[in-house]
Amino acid sequence: MHFCRVFVQEEFTFLQELEEWVLKVASDERHLSTPIHFIMREFFRTCDQFLQFVQHFVSANKGSYSWEIIEMWNQKITSTISKIVTWYTETYHEFSAKRLQSQQELINELSLPVISLSRNVSLLPLVENIDTTRAKYILKRILKQCFELPPTYLTVEVGDSWARGSSTPSNQANPVFQRFYDQT
Protein backbone atom coordinates (compact mmCIF):
# COMPACT_ATOMS: atom_id res chain seq x y z
CA MET A 1 0.00 0.00 0.00
CA HIS A 2 1.50 3.31 -1.04
CA PHE A 3 0.00 6.30 0.71
CA CYS A 4 1.38 8.61 -1.98
CA ARG A 5 -1.30 7.31 -4.34
CA VAL A 6 -3.70 9.61 -2.50
CA PHE A 7 -2.29 12.45 -4.64
CA VAL A 8 -2.84 10.76 -8.00
CA GLN A 9 -5.93 8.58 -7.56
CA GLU A 10 -9.51 9.56 -7.03
CA GLU A 11 -10.32 9.42 -3.32
CA PHE A 12 -13.00 6.74 -3.80
CA THR A 13 -10.60 4.45 -5.70
CA PHE A 14 -7.81 5.05 -3.19
CA LEU A 15 -10.07 4.20 -0.22
CA GLN A 16 -11.43 1.11 -1.98
CA GLU A 17 -7.90 -0.20 -2.46
CA LEU A 18 -7.09 0.69 1.13
CA GLU A 19 -10.05 -1.29 2.51
CA GLU A 20 -8.29 -4.65 2.16
CA TRP A 21 -5.29 -3.33 4.11
CA VAL A 22 -7.44 -1.86 6.91
CA LEU A 23 -9.38 -5.11 7.35
CA LYS A 24 -6.21 -7.20 7.28
CA VAL A 25 -4.34 -5.09 9.83
CA ALA A 26 -7.29 -4.42 12.15
CA SER A 27 -8.12 -8.13 12.38
CA ASP A 28 -4.53 -9.33 12.79
CA GLU A 29 -3.91 -11.00 16.18
CA ARG A 30 -0.69 -9.08 16.79
CA HIS A 31 -2.42 -5.77 16.15
CA LEU A 32 -5.40 -6.80 18.30
CA SER A 33 -2.94 -7.50 21.10
CA THR A 34 -1.31 -4.09 20.68
CA PRO A 35 -2.77 -1.29 22.83
CA ILE A 36 -4.75 1.08 20.61
CA HIS A 37 -2.80 4.15 21.80
CA PHE A 38 0.41 2.65 20.32
CA ILE A 39 -1.32 2.12 17.00
CA MET A 40 -2.77 5.65 17.04
CA ARG A 41 0.69 7.06 17.79
CA GLU A 42 2.02 5.32 14.66
CA PHE A 43 -0.76 6.73 12.49
CA PHE A 44 -0.03 10.25 13.75
CA ARG A 45 3.72 9.74 13.31
CA THR A 46 3.06 8.67 9.71
CA CYS A 47 0.93 11.77 9.15
CA ASP A 48 3.75 13.97 10.48
CA GLN A 49 6.25 12.23 8.18
CA PHE A 50 4.14 12.92 5.10
CA LEU A 51 3.64 16.54 6.11
CA GLN A 52 7.43 16.83 6.49
CA PHE A 53 7.92 15.25 3.05
CA VAL A 54 5.69 17.94 1.56
CA GLN A 55 7.61 20.61 3.46
CA HIS A 56 10.98 19.28 2.15
CA PHE A 57 9.59 18.99 -1.39
CA VAL A 58 8.36 22.59 -1.28
CA SER A 59 11.71 23.79 0.13
CA ALA A 60 13.58 21.96 -2.65
CA ASN A 61 11.29 23.53 -5.27
CA LYS A 62 10.98 27.11 -3.91
CA GLY A 63 8.51 29.23 -5.78
CA SER A 64 7.23 26.38 -7.96
CA TYR A 65 3.96 25.84 -6.09
CA SER A 66 1.41 28.27 -4.69
CA TRP A 67 0.45 28.27 -1.01
CA GLU A 68 -3.01 27.13 -2.05
CA ILE A 69 -1.58 23.99 -3.69
CA ILE A 70 0.69 23.30 -0.70
CA GLU A 71 -2.22 23.75 1.71
CA MET A 72 -4.35 21.44 -0.45
CA TRP A 73 -1.64 18.75 -0.21
CA ASN A 74 -1.39 19.15 3.57
CA GLN A 75 -5.17 19.02 3.89
CA LYS A 76 -5.30 15.92 1.69
CA ILE A 77 -2.78 14.19 3.97
CA THR A 78 -4.48 15.10 7.26
CA SER A 79 -8.02 14.39 6.08
CA THR A 80 -7.04 11.03 4.54
CA ILE A 81 -5.11 9.95 7.65
CA SER A 82 -8.10 11.03 9.74
CA LYS A 83 -10.41 8.85 7.64
CA ILE A 84 -8.01 5.92 7.86
CA VAL A 85 -7.68 6.29 11.65
CA THR A 86 -11.45 6.41 12.11
CA TRP A 87 -12.00 3.47 9.79
CA TYR A 88 -9.22 1.46 11.41
CA THR A 89 -10.43 2.08 14.98
CA GLU A 90 -14.01 1.14 14.07
CA THR A 91 -12.81 -2.09 12.47
CA TYR A 92 -10.38 -2.75 15.34
CA HIS A 93 -13.23 -2.26 17.81
CA GLU A 94 -15.49 -4.71 15.94
CA PHE A 95 -12.81 -7.42 15.89
CA SER A 96 -11.86 -6.76 19.52
CA ALA A 97 -15.50 -7.03 20.59
CA LYS A 98 -15.88 -10.35 18.73
CA ARG A 99 -12.66 -11.64 20.28
CA LEU A 100 -13.76 -10.58 23.76
CA GLN A 101 -17.18 -12.21 23.29
CA SER A 102 -15.63 -15.51 22.20
CA GLN A 103 -13.25 -15.40 25.18
CA GLN A 104 -16.18 -14.74 27.52
CA GLU A 105 -18.09 -17.65 26.00
CA LEU A 106 -15.08 -19.90 26.58
CA ILE A 107 -14.82 -18.74 30.20
CA ASN A 108 -18.53 -19.43 30.68
CA GLU A 109 -18.18 -22.89 29.16
CA LEU A 110 -15.25 -23.77 31.38
CA SER A 111 -16.80 -22.34 34.54
CA LEU A 112 -19.96 -24.45 34.31
CA PRO A 113 -19.00 -28.08 34.10
CA VAL A 114 -21.72 -30.66 34.51
CA ILE A 115 -19.66 -33.49 35.97
CA SER A 116 -20.91 -37.01 35.44
CA LEU A 117 -20.51 -38.87 38.76
CA SER A 118 -22.13 -42.04 37.54
CA ARG A 119 -24.41 -43.13 34.72
CA ASN A 120 -27.44 -41.62 36.46
CA VAL A 121 -26.00 -38.81 38.60
CA SER A 122 -24.31 -35.57 37.57
CA LEU A 123 -23.00 -32.64 39.59
CA LEU A 124 -23.04 -28.95 38.77
CA PRO A 125 -20.80 -26.91 41.08
CA LEU A 126 -21.61 -23.17 41.16
CA VAL A 127 -18.78 -21.12 42.62
CA GLU A 128 -19.26 -17.49 41.67
CA ASN A 129 -21.71 -14.70 42.27
CA ILE A 130 -24.60 -15.12 39.92
CA ASP A 131 -26.50 -12.27 38.37
CA THR A 132 -29.55 -12.53 36.15
CA THR A 133 -27.51 -12.77 32.93
CA ARG A 134 -25.34 -15.57 34.28
CA ALA A 135 -28.38 -17.34 35.76
CA LYS A 136 -30.01 -17.43 32.31
CA TYR A 137 -26.79 -18.79 30.84
CA ILE A 138 -26.57 -21.42 33.60
CA LEU A 139 -30.13 -22.57 32.94
CA LYS A 140 -29.52 -22.81 29.21
CA ARG A 141 -26.24 -24.65 29.75
CA ILE A 142 -27.74 -27.07 32.30
CA LEU A 143 -30.57 -27.97 29.93
CA LYS A 144 -28.16 -28.51 27.06
CA GLN A 145 -25.72 -30.65 29.05
CA CYS A 146 -28.48 -32.65 30.72
CA PHE A 147 -29.94 -33.37 27.30
CA GLU A 148 -26.53 -34.61 26.13
CA LEU A 149 -25.72 -36.61 29.30
CA PRO A 150 -29.29 -37.46 30.33
CA PRO A 151 -28.70 -38.05 34.07
CA THR A 152 -31.55 -39.23 36.26
CA TYR A 153 -30.40 -36.84 38.98
CA LEU A 154 -28.56 -33.53 38.78
CA THR A 155 -27.04 -32.29 42.00
CA VAL A 156 -26.37 -28.58 42.09
CA GLU A 157 -23.64 -27.61 44.56
CA VAL A 158 -24.31 -24.02 45.60
CA GLY A 159 -21.51 -22.29 47.49
CA ASP A 160 -23.04 -21.16 50.80
CA SER A 161 -21.29 -17.77 50.88
CA TRP A 162 -23.34 -16.28 48.04
CA ALA A 163 -26.38 -18.55 48.22
CA ARG A 164 -27.14 -17.39 51.74
CA GLY A 165 -26.06 -13.88 50.84
CA SER A 166 -23.30 -13.50 53.43
CA SER A 167 -21.02 -11.92 50.83
CA THR A 168 -23.54 -9.27 49.90
CA PRO A 169 -23.51 -5.96 51.81
CA SER A 170 -27.17 -6.20 52.77
CA ASN A 171 -26.66 -9.78 54.03
CA GLN A 172 -29.61 -10.94 51.92
CA ALA A 173 -29.59 -13.99 49.71
CA ASN A 174 -28.97 -13.74 46.01
CA PRO A 175 -32.52 -13.20 44.65
CA VAL A 176 -31.87 -15.40 41.61
CA PHE A 177 -31.47 -18.51 43.78
CA GLN A 178 -33.36 -17.49 46.92
CA ARG A 179 -36.53 -19.24 45.79
CA PHE A 180 -34.61 -22.40 44.91
CA TYR A 181 -32.76 -22.36 48.24
CA ASP A 182 -35.95 -21.75 50.23
CA GLN A 183 -37.60 -24.79 48.63
CA THR A 184 -34.81 -27.19 49.67
C-alpha atoms as a PDB file:
ATOM      1  CA  MET A   1       0.000   0.000   0.000  1.00  0.00           C
ATOM      2  CA  HIS A   2       1.498   3.313  -1.041  1.00  0.00           C
ATOM      3  CA  PHE A   3      -0.002   6.296   0.709  1.00  0.00           C
ATOM      4  CA  CYS A   4       1.377   8.613  -1.982  1.00  0.00           C
ATOM      5  CA  ARG A   5      -1.302   7.310  -4.343  1.00  0.00           C
ATOM      6  CA  VAL A   6      -3.696   9.610  -2.499  1.00  0.00           C
ATOM      7  CA  PHE A   7      -2.292  12.453  -4.642  1.00  0.00           C
ATOM      8  CA  VAL A   8      -2.841  10.762  -8.000  1.00  0.00           C
ATOM      9  CA  GLN A   9      -5.935   8.582  -7.556  1.00  0.00           C
ATOM     10  CA  GLU A  10      -9.512   9.558  -7.031  1.00  0.00           C
ATOM     11  CA  GLU A  11     -10.324   9.423  -3.317  1.00  0.00           C
ATOM     12  CA  PHE A  12     -13.000   6.739  -3.796  1.00  0.00           C
ATOM     13  CA  THR A  13     -10.595   4.446  -5.698  1.00  0.00           C
ATOM     14  CA  PHE A  14      -7.814   5.053  -3.188  1.00  0.00           C
ATOM     15  CA  LEU A  15     -10.067   4.202  -0.216  1.00  0.00           C
ATOM     16  CA  GLN A  16     -11.426   1.108  -1.978  1.00  0.00           C
ATOM     17  CA  GLU A  17      -7.898  -0.203  -2.463  1.00  0.00           C
ATOM     18  CA  LEU A  18      -7.090   0.690   1.131  1.00  0.00           C
ATOM     19  CA  GLU A  19     -10.051  -1.288   2.511  1.00  0.00           C
ATOM     20  CA  GLU A  20      -8.289  -4.647   2.158  1.00  0.00           C
ATOM     21  CA  TRP A  21      -5.286  -3.335   4.113  1.00  0.00           C
ATOM     22  CA  VAL A  22      -7.440  -1.857   6.906  1.00  0.00           C
ATOM     23  CA  LEU A  23      -9.381  -5.113   7.346  1.00  0.00           C
ATOM     24  CA  LYS A  24      -6.213  -7.202   7.285  1.00  0.00           C
ATOM     25  CA  VAL A  25      -4.336  -5.089   9.831  1.00  0.00           C
ATOM     26  CA  ALA A  26      -7.288  -4.416  12.151  1.00  0.00           C
ATOM     27  CA  SER A  27      -8.116  -8.128  12.379  1.00  0.00           C
ATOM     28  CA  ASP A  28      -4.526  -9.332  12.787  1.00  0.00           C
ATOM     29  CA  GLU A  29      -3.910 -11.002  16.180  1.00  0.00           C
ATOM     30  CA  ARG A  30      -0.686  -9.079  16.785  1.00  0.00           C
ATOM     31  CA  HIS A  31      -2.418  -5.768  16.147  1.00  0.00           C
ATOM     32  CA  LEU A  32      -5.403  -6.798  18.297  1.00  0.00           C
ATOM     33  CA  SER A  33      -2.938  -7.496  21.099  1.00  0.00           C
ATOM     34  CA  THR A  34      -1.310  -4.086  20.684  1.00  0.00           C
ATOM     35  CA  PRO A  35      -2.774  -1.289  22.825  1.00  0.00           C
ATOM     36  CA  ILE A  36      -4.746   1.085  20.608  1.00  0.00           C
ATOM     37  CA  HIS A  37      -2.797   4.149  21.796  1.00  0.00           C
ATOM     38  CA  PHE A  38       0.411   2.648  20.323  1.00  0.00           C
ATOM     39  CA  ILE A  39      -1.324   2.122  16.998  1.00  0.00           C
ATOM     40  CA  MET A  40      -2.768   5.649  17.040  1.00  0.00           C
ATOM     41  CA  ARG A  41       0.686   7.058  17.791  1.00  0.00           C
ATOM     42  CA  GLU A  42       2.019   5.321  14.657  1.00  0.00           C
ATOM     43  CA  PHE A  43      -0.763   6.730  12.490  1.00  0.00           C
ATOM     44  CA  PHE A  44      -0.025  10.251  13.748  1.00  0.00           C
ATOM     45  CA  ARG A  45       3.724   9.742  13.306  1.00  0.00           C
ATOM     46  CA  THR A  46       3.057   8.671   9.709  1.00  0.00           C
ATOM     47  CA  CYS A  47       0.932  11.770   9.149  1.00  0.00           C
ATOM     48  CA  ASP A  48       3.753  13.971  10.477  1.00  0.00           C
ATOM     49  CA  GLN A  49       6.245  12.225   8.175  1.00  0.00           C
ATOM     50  CA  PHE A  50       4.138  12.924   5.097  1.00  0.00           C
ATOM     51  CA  LEU A  51       3.637  16.545   6.113  1.00  0.00           C
ATOM     52  CA  GLN A  52       7.428  16.832   6.487  1.00  0.00           C
ATOM     53  CA  PHE A  53       7.920  15.253   3.053  1.00  0.00           C
ATOM     54  CA  VAL A  54       5.690  17.937   1.560  1.00  0.00           C
ATOM     55  CA  GLN A  55       7.614  20.613   3.459  1.00  0.00           C
ATOM     56  CA  HIS A  56      10.976  19.276   2.151  1.00  0.00           C
ATOM     57  CA  PHE A  57       9.589  18.991  -1.387  1.00  0.00           C
ATOM     58  CA  VAL A  58       8.358  22.590  -1.282  1.00  0.00           C
ATOM     59  CA  SER A  59      11.711  23.788   0.126  1.00  0.00           C
ATOM     60  CA  ALA A  60      13.580  21.965  -2.647  1.00  0.00           C
ATOM     61  CA  ASN A  61      11.286  23.532  -5.274  1.00  0.00           C
ATOM     62  CA  LYS A  62      10.980  27.110  -3.914  1.00  0.00           C
ATOM     63  CA  GLY A  63       8.512  29.234  -5.780  1.00  0.00           C
ATOM     64  CA  SER A  64       7.235  26.385  -7.963  1.00  0.00           C
ATOM     65  CA  TYR A  65       3.959  25.844  -6.088  1.00  0.00           C
ATOM     66  CA  SER A  66       1.411  28.271  -4.686  1.00  0.00           C
ATOM     67  CA  TRP A  67       0.454  28.267  -1.008  1.00  0.00           C
ATOM     68  CA  GLU A  68      -3.011  27.129  -2.053  1.00  0.00           C
ATOM     69  CA  ILE A  69      -1.584  23.990  -3.686  1.00  0.00           C
ATOM     70  CA  ILE A  70       0.687  23.296  -0.703  1.00  0.00           C
ATOM     71  CA  GLU A  71      -2.222  23.751   1.712  1.00  0.00           C
ATOM     72  CA  MET A  72      -4.354  21.437  -0.455  1.00  0.00           C
ATOM     73  CA  TRP A  73      -1.636  18.750  -0.211  1.00  0.00           C
ATOM     74  CA  ASN A  74      -1.391  19.152   3.566  1.00  0.00           C
ATOM     75  CA  GLN A  75      -5.174  19.017   3.893  1.00  0.00           C
ATOM     76  CA  LYS A  76      -5.296  15.918   1.693  1.00  0.00           C
ATOM     77  CA  ILE A  77      -2.776  14.189   3.967  1.00  0.00           C
ATOM     78  CA  THR A  78      -4.476  15.097   7.255  1.00  0.00           C
ATOM     79  CA  SER A  79      -8.015  14.394   6.079  1.00  0.00           C
ATOM     80  CA  THR A  80      -7.039  11.034   4.544  1.00  0.00           C
ATOM     81  CA  ILE A  81      -5.114   9.954   7.655  1.00  0.00           C
ATOM     82  CA  SER A  82      -8.097  11.034   9.739  1.00  0.00           C
ATOM     83  CA  LYS A  83     -10.413   8.854   7.638  1.00  0.00           C
ATOM     84  CA  ILE A  84      -8.006   5.922   7.861  1.00  0.00           C
ATOM     85  CA  VAL A  85      -7.681   6.290  11.655  1.00  0.00           C
ATOM     86  CA  THR A  86     -11.454   6.414  12.114  1.00  0.00           C
ATOM     87  CA  TRP A  87     -12.001   3.470   9.790  1.00  0.00           C
ATOM     88  CA  TYR A  88      -9.219   1.461  11.410  1.00  0.00           C
ATOM     89  CA  THR A  89     -10.428   2.079  14.979  1.00  0.00           C
ATOM     90  CA  GLU A  90     -14.012   1.144  14.073  1.00  0.00           C
ATOM     91  CA  THR A  91     -12.814  -2.094  12.470  1.00  0.00           C
ATOM     92  CA  TYR A  92     -10.384  -2.753  15.345  1.00  0.00           C
ATOM     93  CA  HIS A  93     -13.234  -2.265  17.813  1.00  0.00           C
ATOM     94  CA  GLU A  94     -15.492  -4.712  15.938  1.00  0.00           C
ATOM     95  CA  PHE A  95     -12.813  -7.424  15.886  1.00  0.00           C
ATOM     96  CA  SER A  96     -11.861  -6.758  19.516  1.00  0.00           C
ATOM     97  CA  ALA A  97     -15.505  -7.035  20.590  1.00  0.00           C
ATOM     98  CA  LYS A  98     -15.885 -10.351  18.730  1.00  0.00           C
ATOM     99  CA  ARG A  99     -12.665 -11.636  20.278  1.00  0.00           C
ATOM    100  CA  LEU A 100     -13.765 -10.584  23.765  1.00  0.00           C
ATOM    101  CA  GLN A 101     -17.176 -12.206  23.293  1.00  0.00           C
ATOM    102  CA  SER A 102     -15.631 -15.507  22.205  1.00  0.00           C
ATOM    103  CA  GLN A 103     -13.250 -15.404  25.180  1.00  0.00           C
ATOM    104  CA  GLN A 104     -16.175 -14.741  27.519  1.00  0.00           C
ATOM    105  CA  GLU A 105     -18.095 -17.653  26.003  1.00  0.00           C
ATOM    106  CA  LEU A 106     -15.083 -19.897  26.583  1.00  0.00           C
ATOM    107  CA  ILE A 107     -14.823 -18.743  30.201  1.00  0.00           C
ATOM    108  CA  ASN A 108     -18.534 -19.426  30.677  1.00  0.00           C
ATOM    109  CA  GLU A 109     -18.179 -22.885  29.155  1.00  0.00           C
ATOM    110  CA  LEU A 110     -15.245 -23.769  31.378  1.00  0.00           C
ATOM    111  CA  SER A 111     -16.799 -22.340  34.543  1.00  0.00           C
ATOM    112  CA  LEU A 112     -19.962 -24.449  34.315  1.00  0.00           C
ATOM    113  CA  PRO A 113     -18.999 -28.083  34.099  1.00  0.00           C
ATOM    114  CA  VAL A 114     -21.718 -30.663  34.513  1.00  0.00           C
ATOM    115  CA  ILE A 115     -19.661 -33.491  35.972  1.00  0.00           C
ATOM    116  CA  SER A 116     -20.908 -37.006  35.441  1.00  0.00           C
ATOM    117  CA  LEU A 117     -20.510 -38.866  38.758  1.00  0.00           C
ATOM    118  CA  SER A 118     -22.135 -42.045  37.536  1.00  0.00           C
ATOM    119  CA  ARG A 119     -24.410 -43.131  34.722  1.00  0.00           C
ATOM    120  CA  ASN A 120     -27.439 -41.622  36.463  1.00  0.00           C
ATOM    121  CA  VAL A 121     -26.004 -38.808  38.600  1.00  0.00           C
ATOM    122  CA  SER A 122     -24.310 -35.572  37.569  1.00  0.00           C
ATOM    123  CA  LEU A 123     -22.998 -32.643  39.592  1.00  0.00           C
ATOM    124  CA  LEU A 124     -23.037 -28.953  38.766  1.00  0.00           C
ATOM    125  CA  PRO A 125     -20.795 -26.914  41.076  1.00  0.00           C
ATOM    126  CA  LEU A 126     -21.609 -23.168  41.159  1.00  0.00           C
ATOM    127  CA  VAL A 127     -18.785 -21.120  42.620  1.00  0.00           C
ATOM    128  CA  GLU A 128     -19.258 -17.487  41.670  1.00  0.00           C
ATOM    129  CA  ASN A 129     -21.705 -14.695  42.275  1.00  0.00           C
ATOM    130  CA  ILE A 130     -24.603 -15.121  39.918  1.00  0.00           C
ATOM    131  CA  ASP A 131     -26.495 -12.266  38.373  1.00  0.00           C
ATOM    132  CA  THR A 132     -29.554 -12.529  36.154  1.00  0.00           C
ATOM    133  CA  THR A 133     -27.514 -12.772  32.933  1.00  0.00           C
ATOM    134  CA  ARG A 134     -25.339 -15.574  34.277  1.00  0.00           C
ATOM    135  CA  ALA A 135     -28.382 -17.344  35.761  1.00  0.00           C
ATOM    136  CA  LYS A 136     -30.010 -17.429  32.311  1.00  0.00           C
ATOM    137  CA  TYR A 137     -26.794 -18.788  30.836  1.00  0.00           C
ATOM    138  CA  ILE A 138     -26.567 -21.423  33.598  1.00  0.00           C
ATOM    139  CA  LEU A 139     -30.129 -22.572  32.945  1.00  0.00           C
ATOM    140  CA  LYS A 140     -29.517 -22.807  29.212  1.00  0.00           C
ATOM    141  CA  ARG A 141     -26.240 -24.654  29.754  1.00  0.00           C
ATOM    142  CA  ILE A 142     -27.740 -27.074  32.301  1.00  0.00           C
ATOM    143  CA  LEU A 143     -30.566 -27.973  29.935  1.00  0.00           C
ATOM    144  CA  LYS A 144     -28.158 -28.509  27.062  1.00  0.00           C
ATOM    145  CA  GLN A 145     -25.717 -30.651  29.049  1.00  0.00           C
ATOM    146  CA  CYS A 146     -28.478 -32.649  30.721  1.00  0.00           C
ATOM    147  CA  PHE A 147     -29.944 -33.375  27.303  1.00  0.00           C
ATOM    148  CA  GLU A 148     -26.529 -34.609  26.133  1.00  0.00           C
ATOM    149  CA  LEU A 149     -25.721 -36.615  29.295  1.00  0.00           C
ATOM    150  CA  PRO A 150     -29.294 -37.458  30.332  1.00  0.00           C
ATOM    151  CA  PRO A 151     -28.698 -38.050  34.069  1.00  0.00           C
ATOM    152  CA  THR A 152     -31.553 -39.234  36.263  1.00  0.00           C
ATOM    153  CA  TYR A 153     -30.402 -36.837  38.983  1.00  0.00           C
ATOM    154  CA  LEU A 154     -28.565 -33.532  38.776  1.00  0.00           C
ATOM    155  CA  THR A 155     -27.040 -32.294  42.002  1.00  0.00           C
ATOM    156  CA  VAL A 156     -26.365 -28.579  42.093  1.00  0.00           C
ATOM    157  CA  GLU A 157     -23.636 -27.607  44.560  1.00  0.00           C
ATOM    158  CA  VAL A 158     -24.314 -24.020  45.599  1.00  0.00           C
ATOM    159  CA  GLY A 159     -21.512 -22.292  47.490  1.00  0.00           C
ATOM    160  CA  ASP A 160     -23.044 -21.159  50.802  1.00  0.00           C
ATOM    161  CA  SER A 161     -21.295 -17.775  50.876  1.00  0.00           C
ATOM    162  CA  TRP A 162     -23.340 -16.281  48.042  1.00  0.00           C
ATOM    163  CA  ALA A 163     -26.382 -18.553  48.216  1.00  0.00           C
ATOM    164  CA  ARG A 164     -27.138 -17.387  51.737  1.00  0.00           C
ATOM    165  CA  GLY A 165     -26.060 -13.880  50.841  1.00  0.00           C
ATOM    166  CA  SER A 166     -23.297 -13.502  53.426  1.00  0.00           C
ATOM    167  CA  SER A 167     -21.017 -11.924  50.827  1.00  0.00           C
ATOM    168  CA  THR A 168     -23.544  -9.266  49.899  1.00  0.00           C
ATOM    169  CA  PRO A 169     -23.512  -5.964  51.805  1.00  0.00           C
ATOM    170  CA  SER A 170     -27.172  -6.199  52.773  1.00  0.00           C
ATOM    171  CA  ASN A 171     -26.661  -9.783  54.028  1.00  0.00           C
ATOM    172  CA  GLN A 172     -29.614 -10.935  51.918  1.00  0.00           C
ATOM    173  CA  ALA A 173     -29.594 -13.991  49.705  1.00  0.00           C
ATOM    174  CA  ASN A 174     -28.968 -13.739  46.010  1.00  0.00           C
ATOM    175  CA  PRO A 175     -32.520 -13.203  44.646  1.00  0.00           C
ATOM    176  CA  VAL A 176     -31.872 -15.401  41.608  1.00  0.00           C
ATOM    177  CA  PHE A 177     -31.467 -18.513  43.782  1.00  0.00           C
ATOM    178  CA  GLN A 178     -33.361 -17.485  46.920  1.00  0.00           C
ATOM    179  CA  ARG A 179     -36.535 -19.244  45.790  1.00  0.00           C
ATOM    180  CA  PHE A 180     -34.605 -22.397  44.915  1.00  0.00           C
ATOM    181  CA  TYR A 181     -32.759 -22.363  48.239  1.00  0.00           C
ATOM    182  CA  ASP A 182     -35.949 -21.755  50.230  1.00  0.00           C
ATOM    183  CA  GLN A 183     -37.601 -24.786  48.634  1.00  0.00           C
ATOM    184  CA  THR A 184     -34.808 -27.190  49.668  1.00  0.00           C
END
